[in-house]
PDB file of N, CA and C in Angstrom:
ATOM      1  N   MET A   1     256.644 170.741  94.301  1.00  0.00           N
ATOM      2  CA  MET A   1     256.134 169.754  95.226  1.00  0.00           C
ATOM      3  C   MET A   1     255.359 170.477  96.322  1.00  0.00           C
ATOM      4  N   VAL A   2     254.266 169.869  96.719  1.00  0.00           N
ATOM      5  CA  VAL A   2     253.458 170.399  97.807  1.00  0.00           C
ATOM      6  C   VAL A   2     253.622 169.452  98.989  1.00  0.00           C
ATOM      7  N   THR A   3     253.847 169.994 100.166  1.00  0.00           N
ATOM      8  CA  THR A   3     253.994 169.141 101.346  1.00  0.00           C
ATOM      9  C   THR A   3     252.893 169.456 102.345  1.00  0.00           C
ATOM     10  N   THR A   4     252.574 168.470 103.142  1.00  0.00           N
ATOM     11  CA  THR A   4     251.593 168.631 104.208  1.00  0.00           C
ATOM     12  C   THR A   4     252.013 167.749 105.361  1.00  0.00           C
ATOM     13  N   LYS A   5     251.446 167.947 106.506  1.00  0.00           N
ATOM     14  CA  LYS A   5     251.836 167.229 107.707  1.00  0.00           C
ATOM     15  C   LYS A   5     250.733 166.262 108.117  1.00  0.00           C
ATOM     16  N   VAL A   6     251.138 165.076 108.550  1.00  0.00           N
ATOM     17  CA  VAL A   6     250.183 164.103 109.069  1.00  0.00           C
ATOM     18  C   VAL A   6     249.883 164.489 110.508  1.00  0.00           C
ATOM     19  N   GLY A   7     248.604 164.705 110.794  1.00  0.00           N
ATOM     20  CA  GLY A   7     248.203 165.123 112.124  1.00  0.00           C
ATOM     21  C   GLY A   7     247.852 163.956 113.020  1.00  0.00           C
ATOM     22  N   SER A   8     247.421 164.275 114.235  1.00  0.00           N
ATOM     23  CA  SER A   8     246.980 163.221 115.150  1.00  0.00           C
ATOM     24  C   SER A   8     245.808 162.499 114.496  1.00  0.00           C
ATOM     25  N   ASN A   9     245.608 161.265 114.841  1.00  0.00           N
ATOM     26  CA  ASN A   9     244.587 160.405 114.212  1.00  0.00           C
ATOM     27  C   ASN A   9     244.855 160.179 112.729  1.00  0.00           C
ATOM     28  N   TYR A  10     246.080 160.413 112.294  1.00  0.00           N
ATOM     29  CA  TYR A  10     246.492 160.181 110.906  1.00  0.00           C
ATOM     30  C   TYR A  10     245.654 160.952 109.902  1.00  0.00           C
ATOM     31  N   THR A  11     245.305 162.173 110.229  1.00  0.00           N
ATOM     32  CA  THR A  11     244.585 163.021 109.283  1.00  0.00           C
ATOM     33  C   THR A  11     245.588 163.842 108.494  1.00  0.00           C
ATOM     34  N   ILE A  12     245.231 164.133 107.262  1.00  0.00           N
ATOM     35  CA  ILE A  12     246.098 164.912 106.382  1.00  0.00           C
ATOM     36  C   ILE A  12     245.286 166.068 105.823  1.00  0.00           C
ATOM     37  N   LYS A  13     245.822 167.259 105.910  1.00  0.00           N
ATOM     38  CA  LYS A  13     245.152 168.429 105.342  1.00  0.00           C
ATOM     39  C   LYS A  13     245.473 168.460 103.847  1.00  0.00           C
ATOM     40  N   ILE A  14     244.429 168.476 103.029  1.00  0.00           N
ATOM     41  CA  ILE A  14     244.611 168.528 101.576  1.00  0.00           C
ATOM     42  C   ILE A  14     244.988 169.966 101.212  1.00  0.00           C
ATOM     43  N   PRO A  15     246.132 170.156 100.541  1.00  0.00           N
ATOM     44  CA  PRO A  15     246.525 171.508 100.139  1.00  0.00           C
ATOM     45  C   PRO A  15     245.466 172.137  99.227  1.00  0.00           C
ATOM     46  N   GLU A  16     245.313 173.448  99.326  1.00  0.00           N
ATOM     47  CA  GLU A  16     244.266 174.158  98.578  1.00  0.00           C
ATOM     48  C   GLU A  16     244.342 173.920  97.073  1.00  0.00           C
ATOM     49  N   ASP A  17     245.549 173.757  96.540  1.00  0.00           N
ATOM     50  CA  ASP A  17     245.708 173.532  95.093  1.00  0.00           C
ATOM     51  C   ASP A  17     244.931 172.309  94.615  1.00  0.00           C
ATOM     52  N   PHE A  18     244.703 171.344  95.492  1.00  0.00           N
ATOM     53  CA  PHE A  18     244.072 170.092  95.099  1.00  0.00           C
ATOM     54  C   PHE A  18     242.621 169.976  95.539  1.00  0.00           C
ATOM     55  N   ARG A  19     242.171 170.887  96.354  1.00  0.00           N
ATOM     56  CA  ARG A  19     240.805 170.794  96.892  1.00  0.00           C
ATOM     57  C   ARG A  19     239.732 170.914  95.827  1.00  0.00           C
ATOM     58  N   ALA A  20     240.007 171.625  94.739  1.00  0.00           N
ATOM     59  CA  ALA A  20     239.001 171.804  93.684  1.00  0.00           C
ATOM     60  C   ALA A  20     238.632 170.462  93.050  1.00  0.00           C
ATOM     61  N   ASN A  21     239.529 169.479  93.135  1.00  0.00           N
ATOM     62  CA  ASN A  21     239.285 168.179  92.519  1.00  0.00           C
ATOM     63  C   ASN A  21     238.502 167.231  93.417  1.00  0.00           C
ATOM     64  N   LEU A  22     238.270 167.619  94.669  1.00  0.00           N
ATOM     65  CA  LEU A  22     237.581 166.765  95.626  1.00  0.00           C
ATOM     66  C   LEU A  22     236.345 167.473  96.174  1.00  0.00           C
ATOM     67  N   LYS A  23     235.364 166.665  96.589  1.00  0.00           N
ATOM     68  CA  LYS A  23     234.167 167.221  97.221  1.00  0.00           C
ATOM     69  C   LYS A  23     234.127 166.761  98.672  1.00  0.00           C
ATOM     70  N   ILE A  24     233.614 167.594  99.548  1.00  0.00           N
ATOM     71  CA  ILE A  24     233.475 167.204 100.943  1.00  0.00           C
ATOM     72  C   ILE A  24     232.550 165.996 101.023  1.00  0.00           C
ATOM     73  N   GLY A  25     232.966 164.976 101.742  1.00  0.00           N
ATOM     74  CA  GLY A  25     232.183 163.755 101.885  1.00  0.00           C
ATOM     75  C   GLY A  25     232.416 162.732 100.790  1.00  0.00           C
ATOM     76  N   GLN A  26     233.208 163.074  99.785  1.00  0.00           N
ATOM     77  CA  GLN A  26     233.480 162.156  98.680  1.00  0.00           C
ATOM     78  C   GLN A  26     234.318 160.982  99.182  1.00  0.00           C
ATOM     79  N   LYS A  27     233.995 159.775  98.720  1.00  0.00           N
ATOM     80  CA  LYS A  27     234.775 158.598  99.080  1.00  0.00           C
ATOM     81  C   LYS A  27     235.937 158.458  98.099  1.00  0.00           C
ATOM     82  N   VAL A  28     237.122 158.193  98.647  1.00  0.00           N
ATOM     83  CA  VAL A  28     238.303 157.996  97.827  1.00  0.00           C
ATOM     84  C   VAL A  28     239.026 156.736  98.268  1.00  0.00           C
ATOM     85  N   ALA A  29     239.663 156.076  97.324  1.00  0.00           N
ATOM     86  CA  ALA A  29     240.548 154.954  97.628  1.00  0.00           C
ATOM     87  C   ALA A  29     241.932 155.546  97.853  1.00  0.00           C
ATOM     88  N   VAL A  30     242.586 155.135  98.917  1.00  0.00           N
ATOM     89  CA  VAL A  30     243.916 155.638  99.241  1.00  0.00           C
ATOM     90  C   VAL A  30     244.909 154.503  99.030  1.00  0.00           C
ATOM     91  N   SER A  31     245.940 154.778  98.236  1.00  0.00           N
ATOM     92  CA  SER A  31     246.981 153.782  98.021  1.00  0.00           C
ATOM     93  C   SER A  31     248.336 154.484  98.032  1.00  0.00           C
ATOM     94  N   VAL A  32     249.387 153.690  98.029  1.00  0.00           N
ATOM     95  CA  VAL A  32     250.749 154.217  98.041  1.00  0.00           C
ATOM     96  C   VAL A  32     251.462 153.636  96.831  1.00  0.00           C
ATOM     97  N   ASP A  33     252.123 154.496  96.045  1.00  0.00           N
ATOM     98  CA  ASP A  33     252.852 153.999  94.880  1.00  0.00           C
ATOM     99  C   ASP A  33     254.248 153.522  95.283  1.00  0.00           C
ATOM    100  N   ALA A  34     255.023 153.063  94.306  1.00  0.00           N
ATOM    101  CA  ALA A  34     256.345 152.497  94.568  1.00  0.00           C
ATOM    102  C   ALA A  34     257.302 153.500  95.211  1.00  0.00           C
ATOM    103  N   GLN A  35     257.100 154.786  94.986  1.00  0.00           N
ATOM    104  CA  GLN A  35     257.953 155.811  95.575  1.00  0.00           C
ATOM    105  C   GLN A  35     257.471 156.248  96.960  1.00  0.00           C
ATOM    106  N   GLY A  36     256.369 155.675  97.437  1.00  0.00           N
ATOM    107  CA  GLY A  36     255.855 156.009  98.754  1.00  0.00           C
ATOM    108  C   GLY A  36     254.892 157.181  98.770  1.00  0.00           C
ATOM    109  N   ARG A  37     254.448 157.639  97.596  1.00  0.00           N
ATOM    110  CA  ARG A  37     253.493 158.753  97.530  1.00  0.00           C
ATOM    111  C   ARG A  37     252.076 158.240  97.732  1.00  0.00           C
ATOM    112  N   LEU A  38     251.265 159.032  98.432  1.00  0.00           N
ATOM    113  CA  LEU A  38     249.853 158.684  98.605  1.00  0.00           C
ATOM    114  C   LEU A  38     249.096 159.015  97.328  1.00  0.00           C
ATOM    115  N   ILE A  39     248.248 158.113  96.907  1.00  0.00           N
ATOM    116  CA  ILE A  39     247.425 158.306  95.721  1.00  0.00           C
ATOM    117  C   ILE A  39     245.967 158.278  96.170  1.00  0.00           C
ATOM    118  N   LEU A  40     245.227 159.341  95.898  1.00  0.00           N
ATOM    119  CA  LEU A  40     243.796 159.401  96.199  1.00  0.00           C
ATOM    120  C   LEU A  40     243.037 159.215  94.891  1.00  0.00           C
ATOM    121  N   THR A  41     242.204 158.192  94.830  1.00  0.00           N
ATOM    122  CA  THR A  41     241.404 157.928  93.640  1.00  0.00           C
ATOM    123  C   THR A  41     239.939 157.996  94.028  1.00  0.00           C
ATOM    124  N   PRO A  42     239.189 158.948  93.457  1.00  0.00           N
ATOM    125  CA  PRO A  42     237.754 159.000  93.751  1.00  0.00           C
ATOM    126  C   PRO A  42     237.088 157.676  93.387  1.00  0.00           C
ATOM    127  N   MET A  43     236.223 157.178  94.255  1.00  0.00           N
ATOM    128  CA  MET A  43     235.582 155.883  94.025  1.00  0.00           C
ATOM    129  C   MET A  43     234.771 155.862  92.737  1.00  0.00           C
ATOM    130  N   GLU A  44     234.160 156.995  92.361  1.00  0.00           N
ATOM    131  CA  GLU A  44     233.405 156.981  91.100  1.00  0.00           C
ATOM    132  C   GLU A  44     234.337 156.778  89.908  1.00  0.00           C
ATOM    133  N   GLN A  45     235.582 157.238  90.005  1.00  0.00           N
ATOM    134  CA  GLN A  45     236.563 156.997  88.943  1.00  0.00           C
ATOM    135  C   GLN A  45     236.948 155.518  88.917  1.00  0.00           C
ATOM    136  N   ALA A  46     237.112 154.929  90.085  1.00  0.00           N
ATOM    137  CA  ALA A  46     237.436 153.502  90.156  1.00  0.00           C
ATOM    138  C   ALA A  46     236.303 152.669  89.575  1.00  0.00           C
ATOM    139  N   ARG A  47     235.064 153.025  89.901  1.00  0.00           N
ATOM    140  CA  ARG A  47     233.906 152.303  89.352  1.00  0.00           C
ATOM    141  C   ARG A  47     233.859 152.430  87.834  1.00  0.00           C
ATOM    142  N   ALA A  48     234.176 153.606  87.294  1.00  0.00           N
ATOM    143  CA  ALA A  48     234.174 153.807  85.841  1.00  0.00           C
ATOM    144  C   ALA A  48     235.202 152.897  85.174  1.00  0.00           C
ATOM    145  N   ILE A  49     236.357 152.733  85.819  1.00  0.00           N
ATOM    146  CA  ILE A  49     237.396 151.846  85.272  1.00  0.00           C
ATOM    147  C   ILE A  49     236.902 150.407  85.267  1.00  0.00           C
ATOM    148  N   LEU A  50     236.253 149.986  86.353  1.00  0.00           N
ATOM    149  CA  LEU A  50     235.701 148.630  86.402  1.00  0.00           C
ATOM    150  C   LEU A  50     234.624 148.433  85.340  1.00  0.00           C
ATOM    151  N   ASP A  51     233.785 149.437  85.141  1.00  0.00           N
ATOM    152  CA  ASP A  51     232.722 149.340  84.134  1.00  0.00           C
ATOM    153  C   ASP A  51     233.286 149.214  82.719  1.00  0.00           C
ATOM    154  N   GLU A  52     234.417 149.865  82.451  1.00  0.00           N
ATOM    155  CA  GLU A  52     235.031 149.786  81.115  1.00  0.00           C
ATOM    156  C   GLU A  52     235.425 148.364  80.767  1.00  0.00           C
ATOM    157  N   THR A  53     235.878 147.598  81.760  1.00  0.00           N
ATOM    158  CA  THR A  53     236.343 146.238  81.480  1.00  0.00           C
ATOM    159  C   THR A  53     235.246 145.189  81.632  1.00  0.00           C
ATOM    160  N   PHE A  54     234.049 145.610  82.043  1.00  0.00           N
ATOM    161  CA  PHE A  54     232.962 144.661  82.232  1.00  0.00           C
ATOM    162  C   PHE A  54     232.638 143.952  80.914  1.00  0.00           C
ATOM    163  N   GLY A  55     232.611 142.639  80.950  1.00  0.00           N
ATOM    164  CA  GLY A  55     232.234 141.858  79.777  1.00  0.00           C
ATOM    165  C   GLY A  55     233.291 141.770  78.697  1.00  0.00           C
ATOM    166  N   VAL A  56     234.536 142.127  79.018  1.00  0.00           N
ATOM    167  CA  VAL A  56     235.585 142.137  78.001  1.00  0.00           C
ATOM    168  C   VAL A  56     235.816 140.754  77.380  1.00  0.00           C
ATOM    169  N   TRP A  57     235.530 139.695  78.147  1.00  0.00           N
ATOM    170  CA  TRP A  57     235.728 138.342  77.625  1.00  0.00           C
ATOM    171  C   TRP A  57     234.437 137.738  77.074  1.00  0.00           C
ATOM    172  N   ALA A  58     233.344 138.430  77.142  1.00  0.00           N
ATOM    173  CA  ALA A  58     232.033 137.850  76.877  1.00  0.00           C
ATOM    174  C   ALA A  58     231.864 137.225  75.497  1.00  0.00           C
ATOM    175  N   LYS A  59     232.363 137.825  74.448  1.00  0.00           N
ATOM    176  CA  LYS A  59     232.079 137.325  73.097  1.00  0.00           C
ATOM    177  C   LYS A  59     233.270 136.633  72.446  1.00  0.00           C
ATOM    178  N   ARG A  60     234.221 136.198  73.275  1.00  0.00           N
ATOM    179  CA  ARG A  60     235.383 135.486  72.740  1.00  0.00           C
ATOM    180  C   ARG A  60     234.979 134.051  72.410  1.00  0.00           C
ATOM    181  N   THR A  61     235.247 133.616  71.173  1.00  0.00           N
ATOM    182  CA  THR A  61     234.920 132.247  70.774  1.00  0.00           C
ATOM    183  C   THR A  61     236.142 131.341  70.837  1.00  0.00           C
ATOM    184  N   ASP A  62     237.329 131.929  71.005  1.00  0.00           N
ATOM    185  CA  ASP A  62     238.548 131.129  71.017  1.00  0.00           C
ATOM    186  C   ASP A  62     238.956 130.684  72.426  1.00  0.00           C
ATOM    187  N   ILE A  63     238.166 131.032  73.430  1.00  0.00           N
ATOM    188  CA  ILE A  63     238.452 130.654  74.811  1.00  0.00           C
ATOM    189  C   ILE A  63     237.300 129.783  75.305  1.00  0.00           C
ATOM    190  N   PRO A  64     237.603 128.636  75.933  1.00  0.00           N
ATOM    191  CA  PRO A  64     236.516 127.793  76.461  1.00  0.00           C
ATOM    192  C   PRO A  64     235.681 128.561  77.481  1.00  0.00           C
ATOM    193  N   LYS A  65     234.398 128.261  77.548  1.00  0.00           N
ATOM    194  CA  LYS A  65     233.482 128.964  78.465  1.00  0.00           C
ATOM    195  C   LYS A  65     233.992 128.960  79.903  1.00  0.00           C
ATOM    196  N   GLY A  66     234.486 127.824  80.375  1.00  0.00           N
ATOM    197  CA  GLY A  66     235.005 127.755  81.735  1.00  0.00           C
ATOM    198  C   GLY A  66     236.203 128.677  81.929  1.00  0.00           C
ATOM    199  N   GLY A  67     237.003 128.845  80.891  1.00  0.00           N
ATOM    200  CA  GLY A  67     238.170 129.724  80.959  1.00  0.00           C
ATOM    201  C   GLY A  67     237.771 131.182  81.111  1.00  0.00           C
ATOM    202  N   ILE A  68     236.701 131.567  80.433  1.00  0.00           N
ATOM    203  CA  ILE A  68     236.211 132.945  80.527  1.00  0.00           C
ATOM    204  C   ILE A  68     235.735 133.229  81.949  1.00  0.00           C
ATOM    205  N   ARG A  69     234.939 132.325  82.505  1.00  0.00           N
ATOM    206  CA  ARG A  69     234.456 132.521  83.873  1.00  0.00           C
ATOM    207  C   ARG A  69     235.617 132.563  84.862  1.00  0.00           C
ATOM    208  N   TYR A  70     236.583 131.679  84.668  1.00  0.00           N
ATOM    209  CA  TYR A  70     237.747 131.627  85.563  1.00  0.00           C
ATOM    210  C   TYR A  70     238.524 132.943  85.520  1.00  0.00           C
ATOM    211  N   MET A  71     238.807 133.453  84.329  1.00  0.00           N
ATOM    212  CA  MET A  71     239.566 134.707  84.194  1.00  0.00           C
ATOM    213  C   MET A  71     238.765 135.889  84.732  1.00  0.00           C
ATOM    214  N   ASP A  72     237.480 135.913  84.489  1.00  0.00           N
ATOM    215  CA  ASP A  72     236.637 136.989  85.044  1.00  0.00           C
ATOM    216  C   ASP A  72     236.705 136.999  86.565  1.00  0.00           C
ATOM    217  N   ARG A  73     236.645 135.811  87.170  1.00  0.00           N
ATOM    218  CA  ARG A  73     236.693 135.722  88.628  1.00  0.00           C
ATOM    219  C   ARG A  73     238.040 136.216  89.158  1.00  0.00           C
ATOM    220  N   ILE A  74     239.116 135.831  88.516  1.00  0.00           N
ATOM    221  CA  ILE A  74     240.448 136.270  88.944  1.00  0.00           C
ATOM    222  C   ILE A  74     240.570 137.784  88.791  1.00  0.00           C
ATOM    223  N   ARG A  75     240.198 138.309  87.640  1.00  0.00           N
ATOM    224  CA  ARG A  75     240.335 139.751  87.402  1.00  0.00           C
ATOM    225  C   ARG A  75     239.457 140.562  88.354  1.00  0.00           C
ATOM    226  N   ARG A  76     238.228 140.122  88.584  1.00  0.00           N
ATOM    227  CA  ARG A  76     237.328 140.835  89.486  1.00  0.00           C
ATOM    228  C   ARG A  76     237.909 140.857  90.897  1.00  0.00           C
ATOM    229  N   GLY A  77     238.413 139.726  91.358  1.00  0.00           N
ATOM    230  CA  GLY A  77     239.002 139.654  92.692  1.00  0.00           C
ATOM    231  C   GLY A  77     240.201 140.560  92.842  1.00  0.00           C
ATOM    232  N   ARG A  78     241.068 140.608  91.843  1.00  0.00           N
ATOM    233  CA  ARG A  78     242.253 141.475  91.912  1.00  0.00           C
ATOM    234  C   ARG A  78     241.864 142.936  91.926  1.00  0.00           C
ATOM    235  N   ARG A  79     240.920 143.329  91.072  1.00  0.00           N
ATOM    236  CA  ARG A  79     240.515 144.733  91.028  1.00  0.00           C
ATOM    237  C   ARG A  79     239.895 145.157  92.344  1.00  0.00           C
ATOM    238  N   LEU A  80     239.010 144.332  92.889  1.00  0.00           N
ATOM    239  CA  LEU A  80     238.364 144.687  94.145  1.00  0.00           C
ATOM    240  C   LEU A  80     239.374 144.702  95.290  1.00  0.00           C
ATOM    241  N   LYS A  81     240.306 143.758  95.273  1.00  0.00           N
ATOM    242  CA  LYS A  81     241.333 143.735  96.319  1.00  0.00           C
ATOM    243  C   LYS A  81     242.187 144.995  96.233  1.00  0.00           C
ATOM    244  N   ASN A  82     242.574 145.399  95.022  1.00  0.00           N
ATOM    245  CA  ASN A  82     243.402 146.585  94.848  1.00  0.00           C
ATOM    246  C   ASN A  82     242.670 147.848  95.293  1.00  0.00           C
ATOM    247  N   LEU A  83     241.353 147.855  95.165  1.00  0.00           N
ATOM    248  CA  LEU A  83     240.567 148.992  95.611  1.00  0.00           C
ATOM    249  C   LEU A  83     240.254 148.923  97.105  1.00  0.00           C
ATOM    250  N   GLY A  84     240.611 147.823  97.733  1.00  0.00           N
ATOM    251  CA  GLY A  84     240.334 147.659  99.158  1.00  0.00           C
ATOM    252  C   GLY A  84     238.888 147.343  99.457  1.00  0.00           C
ATOM    253  N   LEU A  85     238.154 146.857  98.456  1.00  0.00           N
ATOM    254  CA  LEU A  85     236.724 146.588  98.656  1.00  0.00           C
ATOM    255  C   LEU A  85     236.458 145.215  99.247  1.00  0.00           C
ATOM    256  N   ARG A  86     237.364 144.270  99.020  1.00  0.00           N
ATOM    257  CA  ARG A  86     237.185 142.951  99.621  1.00  0.00           C
ATOM    258  C   ARG A  86     238.505 142.234  99.609  1.00  0.00           C
ATOM    259  N   ASN A  87     238.572 141.202 100.384  1.00  0.00           N
ATOM    260  CA  ASN A  87     239.784 140.395 100.485  1.00  0.00           C
ATOM    261  C   ASN A  87     239.478 139.006  99.967  1.00  0.00           C
ATOM    262  N   PRO A  88     239.817 138.724  98.673  1.00  0.00           N
ATOM    263  CA  PRO A  88     239.441 137.427  98.085  1.00  0.00           C
ATOM    264  C   PRO A  88     240.184 136.270  98.721  1.00  0.00           C
TER     265      PRO A  88
END
């Protein structure tokens, strides 16, 4: 386990072992898991995850058109909310 101290203004020094995975100025989403650990997710990784699911309902013939739009809206709102990008 690597430990670090929260400084004034709630800044955290990233331990050297993890710095190779981050770039100065890179935007990251910060979240806390069920155990209380901080999770840093690079925004480009989050965008890639969103892109993977884009259009997942598009060619379904067994779901009414309105149902597809409704589910897309719900899923998009949840993903963006979880990333802290908007508050639906």
